[in-house]
Amino acid sequence: QSGYNLCNSTTVGPNSQCQTAITNNISDFCLWGSPTSGGSIGDVEAAVVAYCTTDKHGTRVIPPGAITGLQVMHTSEYIQWTGHIDMTALGLLPNDTGGELDPHGADLLGNPLGGLVFSNALPGGDNSTLKQVIEWNNFVGSGVFCWKTCFDSSQVGACQNRFDLLGCAYNMPAAYEDGVFLDCDGEVQDIVGTYT
């Protein structure tokens, strides 16, 4: 692990090496980004750090205006964040064509190594207590991002990541409308790669 998971007010800022991401709601969530300016997600995936929409998690902060479109969809099995972003706000090259991050990785150690995800929006929660998210995935590239926080930790299900190279549109279908910010309920998508 290149960073740390004990993140608080003493670690917040542009040099934070926090590798704990939070996915709560439309105004409080994180994405993985480069630990160094001008990184390529494929080169830094094992060492990515958390960039969040608020400064209360001890991470780097996504600057206001960097996210130019966002849809948050709540289903019975997961919450999904999709949108448009200025890639440089995540320390990435503006023309980075992207990559995928998840708790497994090709070596089964996860990307980032040692990275953790927590949410207060899991079923059975009280919307204030953070619980660890076991299954999740995050794609970012070409000015688009998508993140899925899955509820069932006993199976990969909706968060499986066999189609890394196909990106957000295939793995997390959504409107991806720039300039639109939407928080809504939705139906569970078919498991990626399943055709009905």
N, C-alpha and C. Protein backbone atom coordinates (compact mmCIF):
# COMPACT_ATOMS: atom_id res chain seq x y z
N GLN A 1 0.85 -1.18 0.00
CA GLN A 1 0.00 0.00 0.00
C GLN A 1 0.89 1.23 0.00
N SER A 2 0.58 2.16 -0.89
CA SER A 2 1.39 3.37 -1.00
C SER A 2 0.86 4.51 -0.14
N GLY A 3 -0.42 4.45 0.23
CA GLY A 3 -1.02 5.51 1.03
C GLY A 3 -1.41 5.01 2.41
N TYR A 4 -2.52 5.52 2.93
CA TYR A 4 -2.98 5.14 4.26
C TYR A 4 -4.51 5.16 4.29
N ASN A 5 -5.06 4.53 5.34
CA ASN A 5 -6.52 4.46 5.48
C ASN A 5 -7.05 5.25 6.67
N LEU A 6 -6.18 5.69 7.56
CA LEU A 6 -6.60 6.51 8.69
C LEU A 6 -6.60 7.96 8.23
N CYS A 7 -7.74 8.43 7.79
CA CYS A 7 -7.86 9.73 7.15
C CYS A 7 -8.76 10.63 7.99
N ASN A 8 -8.31 11.86 8.22
CA ASN A 8 -9.07 12.79 9.05
C ASN A 8 -8.68 14.22 8.69
N SER A 9 -9.02 15.17 9.53
CA SER A 9 -8.77 16.58 9.22
C SER A 9 -7.29 16.90 9.07
N THR A 10 -6.42 16.06 9.62
CA THR A 10 -4.98 16.32 9.50
C THR A 10 -4.42 15.82 8.16
N THR A 11 -5.19 15.03 7.42
CA THR A 11 -4.69 14.48 6.15
C THR A 11 -5.35 15.10 4.93
N VAL A 12 -6.36 15.94 5.12
CA VAL A 12 -7.08 16.53 3.99
C VAL A 12 -6.20 17.51 3.23
N GLY A 13 -6.36 17.55 1.91
CA GLY A 13 -5.64 18.52 1.12
C GLY A 13 -5.06 17.94 -0.15
N PRO A 14 -4.39 18.78 -0.94
CA PRO A 14 -3.91 18.37 -2.26
C PRO A 14 -2.80 17.33 -2.25
N ASN A 15 -2.21 17.07 -1.09
CA ASN A 15 -1.15 16.06 -1.01
C ASN A 15 -1.58 14.83 -0.23
N SER A 16 -2.87 14.72 0.09
CA SER A 16 -3.36 13.58 0.85
C SER A 16 -3.07 12.28 0.12
N GLN A 17 -2.66 11.29 0.87
CA GLN A 17 -2.43 9.95 0.33
C GLN A 17 -3.50 8.98 0.85
N CYS A 18 -4.66 9.52 1.21
CA CYS A 18 -5.75 8.72 1.74
C CYS A 18 -6.26 7.74 0.69
N GLN A 19 -6.35 6.48 1.05
CA GLN A 19 -6.87 5.45 0.17
C GLN A 19 -8.15 4.85 0.74
N THR A 20 -8.96 5.71 1.35
CA THR A 20 -10.29 5.35 1.84
C THR A 20 -11.30 6.25 1.14
N ALA A 21 -12.20 5.65 0.38
CA ALA A 21 -13.21 6.40 -0.36
C ALA A 21 -14.56 6.26 0.34
N ILE A 22 -15.36 7.31 0.26
CA ILE A 22 -16.69 7.35 0.85
C ILE A 22 -17.71 7.53 -0.27
N THR A 23 -18.80 6.76 -0.23
CA THR A 23 -19.86 6.89 -1.23
C THR A 23 -21.21 6.98 -0.51
N ASN A 24 -21.61 8.19 -0.18
CA ASN A 24 -22.84 8.39 0.60
C ASN A 24 -24.03 8.83 -0.24
N ASN A 25 -23.89 9.92 -0.99
CA ASN A 25 -25.03 10.49 -1.70
C ASN A 25 -24.55 11.41 -2.82
N ILE A 26 -25.47 12.12 -3.44
CA ILE A 26 -25.14 12.96 -4.60
C ILE A 26 -24.16 14.07 -4.26
N SER A 27 -24.14 14.54 -3.03
CA SER A 27 -23.23 15.63 -2.67
C SER A 27 -22.05 15.18 -1.82
N ASP A 28 -21.97 13.89 -1.53
CA ASP A 28 -20.91 13.38 -0.66
C ASP A 28 -20.44 12.02 -1.16
N PHE A 29 -19.46 12.05 -2.07
CA PHE A 29 -18.90 10.81 -2.60
C PHE A 29 -17.47 11.06 -3.06
N CYS A 30 -16.77 9.98 -3.31
CA CYS A 30 -15.37 10.06 -3.74
C CYS A 30 -15.17 9.26 -5.02
N LEU A 31 -14.10 9.60 -5.71
CA LEU A 31 -13.62 8.85 -6.87
C LEU A 31 -12.13 8.60 -6.66
N TRP A 32 -11.60 7.60 -7.33
CA TRP A 32 -10.16 7.36 -7.27
C TRP A 32 -9.46 8.19 -8.33
N GLY A 33 -8.30 8.75 -7.98
CA GLY A 33 -7.51 9.54 -8.91
C GLY A 33 -6.03 9.36 -8.66
N SER A 34 -5.23 10.02 -9.47
CA SER A 34 -3.78 9.87 -9.42
C SER A 34 -3.17 10.51 -8.17
N PRO A 35 -2.16 9.85 -7.57
CA PRO A 35 -1.46 10.45 -6.44
C PRO A 35 -0.48 11.55 -6.89
N THR A 36 -0.20 11.61 -8.19
CA THR A 36 0.70 12.64 -8.73
C THR A 36 0.00 13.33 -9.90
N SER A 37 0.27 14.60 -10.06
CA SER A 37 -0.34 15.36 -11.14
C SER A 37 0.09 14.82 -12.50
N GLY A 38 -0.86 14.72 -13.42
CA GLY A 38 -0.56 14.24 -14.76
C GLY A 38 -0.40 12.74 -14.87
N GLY A 39 -1.00 12.00 -13.95
CA GLY A 39 -0.91 10.54 -13.97
C GLY A 39 -1.81 9.93 -15.04
N SER A 40 -1.50 8.73 -15.41
CA SER A 40 -2.33 7.93 -16.31
C SER A 40 -2.93 6.82 -15.46
N ILE A 41 -4.24 6.67 -15.49
CA ILE A 41 -4.90 5.72 -14.58
C ILE A 41 -4.35 4.31 -14.72
N GLY A 42 -3.99 3.91 -15.93
CA GLY A 42 -3.43 2.58 -16.12
C GLY A 42 -2.08 2.40 -15.45
N ASP A 43 -1.34 3.49 -15.31
CA ASP A 43 -0.01 3.42 -14.69
C ASP A 43 -0.06 3.55 -13.17
N VAL A 44 -1.11 4.19 -12.64
CA VAL A 44 -1.15 4.48 -11.20
C VAL A 44 -2.25 3.72 -10.47
N GLU A 45 -2.92 2.78 -11.13
CA GLU A 45 -4.12 2.17 -10.53
C GLU A 45 -3.86 1.53 -9.18
N ALA A 46 -2.69 0.97 -8.95
CA ALA A 46 -2.41 0.33 -7.66
C ALA A 46 -2.19 1.35 -6.55
N ALA A 47 -1.90 2.60 -6.92
CA ALA A 47 -1.56 3.63 -5.94
C ALA A 47 -2.55 4.79 -5.91
N VAL A 48 -3.70 4.66 -6.58
CA VAL A 48 -4.65 5.78 -6.61
C VAL A 48 -5.07 6.19 -5.21
N VAL A 49 -5.47 7.45 -5.10
CA VAL A 49 -5.92 8.01 -3.83
C VAL A 49 -7.34 8.55 -4.00
N ALA A 50 -8.00 8.80 -2.88
CA ALA A 50 -9.38 9.28 -2.91
C ALA A 50 -9.46 10.78 -3.13
N TYR A 51 -10.35 11.17 -4.03
CA TYR A 51 -10.72 12.57 -4.27
C TYR A 51 -12.21 12.65 -3.97
N CYS A 52 -12.59 13.53 -3.06
CA CYS A 52 -13.99 13.58 -2.63
C CYS A 52 -14.62 14.94 -2.90
N THR A 53 -15.95 14.96 -2.88
CA THR A 53 -16.70 16.18 -3.15
C THR A 53 -16.78 17.09 -1.93
N THR A 54 -16.27 16.63 -0.80
CA THR A 54 -16.28 17.42 0.43
C THR A 54 -14.93 17.26 1.13
N ASP A 55 -14.61 18.18 2.01
CA ASP A 55 -13.33 18.12 2.71
C ASP A 55 -13.41 17.41 4.05
N LYS A 56 -14.50 16.72 4.33
CA LYS A 56 -14.66 16.13 5.67
C LYS A 56 -14.15 14.69 5.80
N HIS A 57 -13.49 14.15 4.77
CA HIS A 57 -13.04 12.76 4.85
C HIS A 57 -11.52 12.59 4.88
N GLY A 58 -10.77 13.68 4.96
CA GLY A 58 -9.31 13.58 5.03
C GLY A 58 -8.64 13.25 3.71
N THR A 59 -9.32 13.53 2.61
CA THR A 59 -8.83 13.17 1.28
C THR A 59 -8.46 14.43 0.49
N ARG A 60 -8.14 14.24 -0.77
CA ARG A 60 -8.05 15.36 -1.69
C ARG A 60 -9.48 15.76 -2.04
N VAL A 61 -9.67 17.00 -2.45
CA VAL A 61 -11.02 17.50 -2.70
C VAL A 61 -11.19 17.80 -4.20
N ILE A 62 -12.27 17.29 -4.76
CA ILE A 62 -12.61 17.60 -6.15
C ILE A 62 -13.07 19.06 -6.18
N PRO A 63 -12.42 19.90 -6.98
CA PRO A 63 -12.79 21.32 -6.96
C PRO A 63 -14.20 21.56 -7.51
N PRO A 64 -14.88 22.58 -6.97
CA PRO A 64 -16.20 22.93 -7.49
C PRO A 64 -16.13 23.19 -8.99
N GLY A 65 -17.13 22.70 -9.72
CA GLY A 65 -17.18 22.89 -11.16
C GLY A 65 -16.49 21.81 -11.96
N ALA A 66 -15.70 20.95 -11.31
CA ALA A 66 -14.99 19.89 -12.04
C ALA A 66 -15.95 18.82 -12.54
N ILE A 67 -16.99 18.54 -11.76
CA ILE A 67 -18.03 17.60 -12.19
C ILE A 67 -19.09 18.42 -12.91
N THR A 68 -19.28 18.15 -14.18
CA THR A 68 -20.19 18.97 -14.99
C THR A 68 -21.50 18.28 -15.33
N GLY A 69 -21.68 17.07 -14.87
CA GLY A 69 -22.92 16.33 -15.04
C GLY A 69 -22.87 15.14 -14.10
N LEU A 70 -24.01 14.81 -13.47
CA LEU A 70 -24.00 13.73 -12.48
C LEU A 70 -25.39 13.11 -12.37
N GLN A 71 -25.43 11.78 -12.41
CA GLN A 71 -26.66 11.04 -12.15
C GLN A 71 -26.36 10.03 -11.06
N VAL A 72 -27.12 10.07 -9.99
CA VAL A 72 -27.01 9.07 -8.92
C VAL A 72 -28.29 8.25 -8.94
N MET A 73 -28.13 6.94 -9.14
CA MET A 73 -29.29 6.06 -9.24
C MET A 73 -29.27 5.05 -8.09
N HIS A 74 -30.36 5.01 -7.35
CA HIS A 74 -30.52 4.09 -6.22
C HIS A 74 -31.37 2.90 -6.67
N THR A 75 -30.86 1.69 -6.46
CA THR A 75 -31.62 0.48 -6.76
C THR A 75 -31.66 -0.40 -5.52
N SER A 76 -32.31 -1.53 -5.63
CA SER A 76 -32.40 -2.45 -4.49
C SER A 76 -31.10 -3.20 -4.25
N GLU A 77 -30.15 -3.16 -5.21
CA GLU A 77 -28.90 -3.90 -5.06
C GLU A 77 -27.65 -3.03 -5.03
N TYR A 78 -27.76 -1.79 -5.44
CA TYR A 78 -26.58 -0.92 -5.49
C TYR A 78 -26.99 0.55 -5.64
N ILE A 79 -26.01 1.42 -5.44
CA ILE A 79 -26.13 2.83 -5.80
C ILE A 79 -25.07 3.08 -6.86
N GLN A 80 -25.45 3.83 -7.89
CA GLN A 80 -24.55 4.06 -9.01
C GLN A 80 -24.41 5.57 -9.26
N TRP A 81 -23.16 6.03 -9.34
CA TRP A 81 -22.83 7.41 -9.67
C TRP A 81 -22.25 7.43 -11.07
N THR A 82 -22.78 8.26 -11.97
CA THR A 82 -22.25 8.38 -13.32
C THR A 82 -22.20 9.86 -13.68
N GLY A 83 -21.19 10.25 -14.45
CA GLY A 83 -21.14 11.66 -14.80
C GLY A 83 -19.96 12.06 -15.66
N HIS A 84 -19.86 13.36 -15.84
CA HIS A 84 -18.79 13.99 -16.61
C HIS A 84 -17.87 14.73 -15.65
N ILE A 85 -16.55 14.69 -15.91
CA ILE A 85 -15.59 15.33 -15.02
C ILE A 85 -14.38 15.83 -15.80
N ASP A 86 -13.79 16.90 -15.31
CA ASP A 86 -12.50 17.37 -15.80
C ASP A 86 -11.46 16.40 -15.23
N MET A 87 -10.84 15.62 -16.08
CA MET A 87 -9.92 14.58 -15.64
C MET A 87 -8.77 15.13 -14.79
N THR A 88 -8.36 16.37 -15.06
CA THR A 88 -7.24 16.94 -14.30
C THR A 88 -7.62 17.17 -12.84
N ALA A 89 -8.92 17.25 -12.53
CA ALA A 89 -9.37 17.40 -11.14
C ALA A 89 -9.07 16.15 -10.33
N LEU A 90 -8.80 15.04 -11.01
CA LEU A 90 -8.42 13.78 -10.35
C LEU A 90 -6.93 13.51 -10.53
N GLY A 91 -6.18 14.55 -10.91
CA GLY A 91 -4.74 14.39 -11.11
C GLY A 91 -4.37 13.63 -12.36
N LEU A 92 -5.34 13.39 -13.24
CA LEU A 92 -5.12 12.58 -14.44
C LEU A 92 -4.88 13.45 -15.66
N LEU A 93 -4.25 12.88 -16.66
CA LEU A 93 -4.05 13.57 -17.93
C LEU A 93 -5.41 13.89 -18.54
N PRO A 94 -5.58 15.05 -19.16
CA PRO A 94 -6.89 15.40 -19.72
C PRO A 94 -7.36 14.45 -20.81
N ASN A 95 -6.43 13.80 -21.48
CA ASN A 95 -6.78 12.87 -22.57
C ASN A 95 -6.65 11.40 -22.17
N ASP A 96 -6.58 11.13 -20.87
CA ASP A 96 -6.48 9.74 -20.39
C ASP A 96 -7.72 8.98 -20.84
N THR A 97 -7.53 7.88 -21.55
CA THR A 97 -8.67 7.12 -22.05
C THR A 97 -9.25 6.17 -21.01
N GLY A 98 -8.60 6.06 -19.86
CA GLY A 98 -9.26 5.44 -18.73
C GLY A 98 -8.81 4.08 -18.28
N GLY A 99 -9.50 3.64 -17.22
CA GLY A 99 -9.23 2.36 -16.60
C GLY A 99 -10.31 2.05 -15.59
N GLU A 100 -10.16 0.90 -14.93
CA GLU A 100 -11.17 0.42 -13.99
C GLU A 100 -10.49 0.03 -12.69
N LEU A 101 -11.15 0.34 -11.59
CA LEU A 101 -10.63 0.06 -10.25
C LEU A 101 -11.67 -0.75 -9.49
N ASP A 102 -11.21 -1.67 -8.66
CA ASP A 102 -12.12 -2.52 -7.90
C ASP A 102 -11.34 -3.17 -6.76
N PRO A 103 -12.03 -3.84 -5.82
CA PRO A 103 -11.33 -4.42 -4.68
C PRO A 103 -10.60 -5.73 -4.99
N HIS A 104 -10.60 -6.16 -6.25
CA HIS A 104 -9.97 -7.43 -6.60
C HIS A 104 -8.67 -7.24 -7.35
N GLY A 105 -8.70 -6.57 -8.49
CA GLY A 105 -7.50 -6.37 -9.30
C GLY A 105 -7.07 -7.66 -9.96
N ALA A 106 -6.20 -7.55 -10.95
CA ALA A 106 -5.71 -8.73 -11.67
C ALA A 106 -4.95 -9.67 -10.74
N ASP A 107 -4.35 -9.11 -9.69
CA ASP A 107 -3.57 -9.92 -8.75
C ASP A 107 -4.37 -10.29 -7.51
N LEU A 108 -5.66 -9.97 -7.51
CA LEU A 108 -6.59 -10.23 -6.40
C LEU A 108 -6.24 -9.44 -5.14
N LEU A 109 -5.41 -8.40 -5.28
CA LEU A 109 -5.05 -7.55 -4.14
C LEU A 109 -5.79 -6.22 -4.16
N GLY A 110 -6.51 -5.95 -5.24
CA GLY A 110 -7.30 -4.73 -5.34
C GLY A 110 -6.54 -3.57 -5.94
N ASN A 111 -7.29 -2.67 -6.51
CA ASN A 111 -6.76 -1.40 -7.01
C ASN A 111 -7.65 -0.30 -6.47
N PRO A 112 -7.12 0.50 -5.56
CA PRO A 112 -5.73 0.55 -5.13
C PRO A 112 -5.41 -0.55 -4.12
N LEU A 113 -4.14 -0.88 -4.04
CA LEU A 113 -3.69 -1.83 -3.02
C LEU A 113 -4.00 -1.23 -1.66
N GLY A 114 -4.73 -1.95 -0.84
CA GLY A 114 -5.09 -1.46 0.49
C GLY A 114 -6.24 -0.47 0.52
N GLY A 115 -6.84 -0.20 -0.64
CA GLY A 115 -7.94 0.76 -0.68
C GLY A 115 -9.19 0.22 -0.01
N LEU A 116 -9.89 1.10 0.70
CA LEU A 116 -11.14 0.74 1.37
C LEU A 116 -12.24 1.69 0.93
N VAL A 117 -13.48 1.21 0.97
CA VAL A 117 -14.64 2.03 0.64
C VAL A 117 -15.67 1.88 1.75
N PHE A 118 -16.26 3.00 2.16
CA PHE A 118 -17.29 3.02 3.19
C PHE A 118 -18.48 3.84 2.70
N SER A 119 -19.66 3.55 3.27
CA SER A 119 -20.87 4.29 2.92
C SER A 119 -21.83 4.31 4.11
N ASN A 120 -22.59 5.38 4.22
CA ASN A 120 -23.66 5.41 5.22
C ASN A 120 -25.02 5.17 4.57
N ALA A 121 -25.00 4.77 3.29
CA ALA A 121 -26.25 4.59 2.54
C ALA A 121 -26.60 3.13 2.29
N LEU A 122 -25.92 2.21 2.96
CA LEU A 122 -26.22 0.79 2.77
C LEU A 122 -27.53 0.43 3.45
N PRO A 123 -28.25 -0.58 2.93
CA PRO A 123 -29.51 -1.00 3.55
C PRO A 123 -29.31 -1.38 5.02
N GLY A 124 -30.28 -1.03 5.83
CA GLY A 124 -30.21 -1.34 7.25
C GLY A 124 -29.41 -0.33 8.04
N GLY A 125 -28.84 0.64 7.35
CA GLY A 125 -28.07 1.67 8.03
C GLY A 125 -28.96 2.81 8.51
N ASP A 126 -28.33 3.77 9.16
CA ASP A 126 -29.08 4.90 9.71
C ASP A 126 -28.74 6.23 9.01
N ASN A 127 -28.10 6.15 7.85
CA ASN A 127 -27.70 7.32 7.07
C ASN A 127 -26.69 8.22 7.79
N SER A 128 -26.07 7.70 8.84
CA SER A 128 -25.01 8.47 9.49
C SER A 128 -23.81 7.61 9.86
N THR A 129 -24.04 6.31 10.06
CA THR A 129 -22.95 5.41 10.43
C THR A 129 -22.33 4.79 9.18
N LEU A 130 -21.03 4.93 9.04
CA LEU A 130 -20.34 4.35 7.89
C LEU A 130 -20.16 2.84 8.06
N LYS A 131 -20.45 2.10 6.99
CA LYS A 131 -20.21 0.66 6.94
C LYS A 131 -19.30 0.37 5.76
N GLN A 132 -18.46 -0.64 5.90
CA GLN A 132 -17.55 -0.96 4.81
C GLN A 132 -18.30 -1.56 3.63
N VAL A 133 -17.95 -1.10 2.44
CA VAL A 133 -18.48 -1.63 1.19
C VAL A 133 -17.49 -2.68 0.70
N ILE A 134 -17.94 -3.92 0.55
CA ILE A 134 -17.05 -5.00 0.14
C ILE A 134 -16.94 -5.07 -1.38
N GLU A 135 -18.04 -4.89 -2.08
CA GLU A 135 -18.03 -4.97 -3.55
C GLU A 135 -18.37 -3.62 -4.17
N TRP A 136 -17.49 -3.15 -5.03
CA TRP A 136 -17.64 -1.86 -5.70
C TRP A 136 -16.78 -1.86 -6.96
N ASN A 137 -17.03 -0.94 -7.86
CA ASN A 137 -16.08 -0.69 -8.94
C ASN A 137 -16.23 0.72 -9.46
N ASN A 138 -15.16 1.22 -10.09
CA ASN A 138 -15.07 2.61 -10.54
C ASN A 138 -14.31 2.64 -11.86
N PHE A 139 -14.95 3.20 -12.87
CA PHE A 139 -14.29 3.45 -14.15
C PHE A 139 -14.10 4.96 -14.27
N VAL A 140 -13.01 5.39 -14.89
CA VAL A 140 -12.81 6.80 -15.18
C VAL A 140 -11.97 6.91 -16.44
N GLY A 141 -12.35 7.83 -17.33
CA GLY A 141 -11.58 8.05 -18.55
C GLY A 141 -12.35 8.86 -19.56
N SER A 142 -11.63 9.57 -20.40
CA SER A 142 -12.22 10.36 -21.48
C SER A 142 -13.29 11.34 -20.98
N GLY A 143 -13.07 11.89 -19.79
CA GLY A 143 -13.98 12.88 -19.24
C GLY A 143 -15.26 12.33 -18.64
N VAL A 144 -15.32 11.01 -18.45
CA VAL A 144 -16.51 10.36 -17.90
C VAL A 144 -16.09 9.48 -16.73
N PHE A 145 -16.97 9.37 -15.73
CA PHE A 145 -16.72 8.45 -14.62
C PHE A 145 -17.99 7.68 -14.30
N CYS A 146 -17.80 6.53 -13.67
CA CYS A 146 -18.93 5.78 -13.13
C CYS A 146 -18.44 5.00 -11.91
N TRP A 147 -19.30 4.86 -10.94
CA TRP A 147 -18.96 4.17 -9.69
C TRP A 147 -20.20 3.41 -9.25
N LYS A 148 -20.00 2.19 -8.83
CA LYS A 148 -21.11 1.39 -8.31
C LYS A 148 -20.73 0.85 -6.94
N THR A 149 -21.57 1.12 -5.95
CA THR A 149 -21.44 0.59 -4.60
C THR A 149 -22.51 -0.48 -4.44
N CYS A 150 -22.08 -1.74 -4.34
CA CYS A 150 -23.03 -2.85 -4.24
C CYS A 150 -23.31 -3.20 -2.79
N PHE A 151 -24.54 -3.66 -2.53
CA PHE A 151 -24.97 -3.94 -1.17
C PHE A 151 -24.62 -5.34 -0.70
N ASP A 152 -24.71 -6.34 -1.56
CA ASP A 152 -24.52 -7.73 -1.16
C ASP A 152 -23.04 -8.09 -1.20
N SER A 153 -22.46 -8.28 -0.04
CA SER A 153 -21.03 -8.59 0.01
C SER A 153 -20.75 -10.08 -0.19
N SER A 154 -21.79 -10.91 -0.30
CA SER A 154 -21.57 -12.35 -0.43
C SER A 154 -21.32 -12.77 -1.88
N GLN A 155 -21.61 -11.88 -2.83
CA GLN A 155 -21.37 -12.21 -4.24
C GLN A 155 -21.05 -10.93 -4.99
N VAL A 156 -20.31 -11.06 -6.06
CA VAL A 156 -19.92 -9.89 -6.83
C VAL A 156 -21.13 -9.31 -7.56
N GLY A 157 -21.96 -10.16 -8.17
CA GLY A 157 -23.20 -9.73 -8.80
C GLY A 157 -23.07 -8.51 -9.67
N ALA A 158 -23.80 -7.47 -9.32
CA ALA A 158 -23.85 -6.25 -10.13
C ALA A 158 -22.52 -5.50 -10.17
N CYS A 159 -21.59 -5.84 -9.31
CA CYS A 159 -20.30 -5.15 -9.30
C CYS A 159 -19.18 -5.96 -9.95
N GLN A 160 -19.52 -7.03 -10.63
CA GLN A 160 -18.44 -7.79 -11.27
C GLN A 160 -17.74 -6.94 -12.32
N ASN A 161 -16.50 -7.29 -12.62
CA ASN A 161 -15.68 -6.42 -13.46
C ASN A 161 -14.95 -7.19 -14.55
N ARG A 162 -15.62 -8.08 -15.22
CA ARG A 162 -14.97 -8.88 -16.27
C ARG A 162 -14.78 -8.10 -17.56
N PHE A 163 -15.44 -6.97 -17.70
CA PHE A 163 -15.40 -6.22 -18.95
C PHE A 163 -14.73 -4.86 -18.76
N ASP A 164 -13.55 -4.89 -18.16
CA ASP A 164 -12.81 -3.68 -17.84
C ASP A 164 -12.59 -2.77 -19.04
N LEU A 165 -12.29 -3.35 -20.18
CA LEU A 165 -11.91 -2.56 -21.35
C LEU A 165 -13.10 -1.88 -22.03
N LEU A 166 -14.32 -2.21 -21.64
CA LEU A 166 -15.50 -1.66 -22.31
C LEU A 166 -16.04 -0.39 -21.67
N GLY A 167 -15.54 -0.02 -20.51
CA GLY A 167 -15.86 1.28 -19.93
C GLY A 167 -17.24 1.44 -19.33
N CYS A 168 -17.54 2.70 -19.02
CA CYS A 168 -18.77 3.05 -18.31
C CYS A 168 -20.04 2.71 -19.07
N ALA A 169 -20.12 3.09 -20.33
CA ALA A 169 -21.37 2.93 -21.08
C ALA A 169 -21.85 1.48 -21.09
N TYR A 170 -20.92 0.54 -21.15
CA TYR A 170 -21.28 -0.88 -21.19
C TYR A 170 -21.52 -1.43 -19.79
N ASN A 171 -20.65 -1.09 -18.85
CA ASN A 171 -20.71 -1.65 -17.51
C ASN A 171 -21.74 -0.99 -16.60
N MET A 172 -22.00 0.29 -16.81
CA MET A 172 -22.97 1.01 -15.98
C MET A 172 -23.82 1.91 -16.87
N PRO A 173 -24.76 1.33 -17.59
CA PRO A 173 -25.61 2.13 -18.49
C PRO A 173 -26.34 3.24 -17.73
N ALA A 174 -26.32 4.41 -18.31
CA ALA A 174 -27.01 5.57 -17.73
C ALA A 174 -27.11 6.64 -18.81
N ALA A 175 -27.69 7.77 -18.47
CA ALA A 175 -27.88 8.84 -19.45
C ALA A 175 -26.58 9.56 -19.79
N TYR A 176 -25.67 9.73 -18.82
CA TYR A 176 -24.40 10.44 -19.02
C TYR A 176 -24.61 11.78 -19.71
N GLU A 177 -25.52 12.59 -19.17
CA GLU A 177 -25.82 13.89 -19.76
C GLU A 177 -25.00 14.97 -19.08
N ASP A 178 -24.16 15.64 -19.85
CA ASP A 178 -23.39 16.75 -19.33
C ASP A 178 -24.34 17.91 -19.03
N GLY A 179 -24.13 18.58 -17.92
CA GLY A 179 -24.97 19.71 -17.53
C GLY A 179 -26.21 19.33 -16.76
N VAL A 180 -26.45 18.03 -16.55
CA VAL A 180 -27.62 17.55 -15.82
C VAL A 180 -27.17 16.92 -14.51
N PHE A 181 -27.84 17.27 -13.42
CA PHE A 181 -27.56 16.70 -12.11
C PHE A 181 -28.86 16.09 -11.61
N LEU A 182 -28.86 14.77 -11.37
CA LEU A 182 -30.09 14.04 -11.10
C LEU A 182 -29.85 12.97 -10.04
N ASP A 183 -30.73 12.89 -9.07
CA ASP A 183 -30.71 11.87 -8.02
C ASP A 183 -32.04 11.13 -8.13
N CYS A 184 -32.01 9.82 -8.44
CA CYS A 184 -33.26 9.13 -8.75
C CYS A 184 -33.22 7.67 -8.32
N ASP A 185 -34.39 7.04 -8.34
CA ASP A 185 -34.50 5.60 -8.14
C ASP A 185 -34.46 4.94 -9.51
N GLY A 186 -33.96 3.70 -9.56
CA GLY A 186 -33.89 3.00 -10.83
C GLY A 186 -34.05 1.51 -10.64
N GLU A 187 -34.10 0.79 -11.75
CA GLU A 187 -34.19 -0.66 -11.72
C GLU A 187 -32.80 -1.26 -11.80
N VAL A 188 -32.66 -2.46 -11.26
CA VAL A 188 -31.39 -3.17 -11.31
C VAL A 188 -31.11 -3.58 -12.75
N GLN A 189 -29.93 -3.26 -13.23
CA GLN A 189 -29.56 -3.66 -14.59
C GLN A 189 -29.26 -5.16 -14.62
N ASP A 190 -29.32 -5.75 -15.81
CA ASP A 190 -28.88 -7.13 -15.96
C ASP A 190 -27.40 -7.21 -15.60
N ILE A 191 -26.96 -8.37 -15.12
CA ILE A 191 -25.54 -8.56 -14.85
C ILE A 191 -24.78 -8.27 -16.13
N VAL A 192 -23.71 -7.52 -16.03
CA VAL A 192 -22.94 -7.12 -17.20
C VAL A 192 -22.54 -8.35 -18.00
N GLY A 193 -22.81 -8.32 -19.30
CA GLY A 193 -22.49 -9.45 -20.18
C GLY A 193 -23.64 -10.42 -20.35
N THR A 194 -24.76 -10.19 -19.63
CA THR A 194 -25.95 -11.02 -19.75
C THR A 194 -26.91 -10.34 -20.70
N TYR A 195 -27.40 -11.08 -21.67
CA TYR A 195 -28.31 -10.51 -22.64
C TYR A 195 -29.67 -11.18 -22.50
N THR A 196 -30.73 -10.39 -22.40
CA THR A 196 -32.07 -10.95 -22.23
C THR A 196 -32.99 -10.48 -23.34
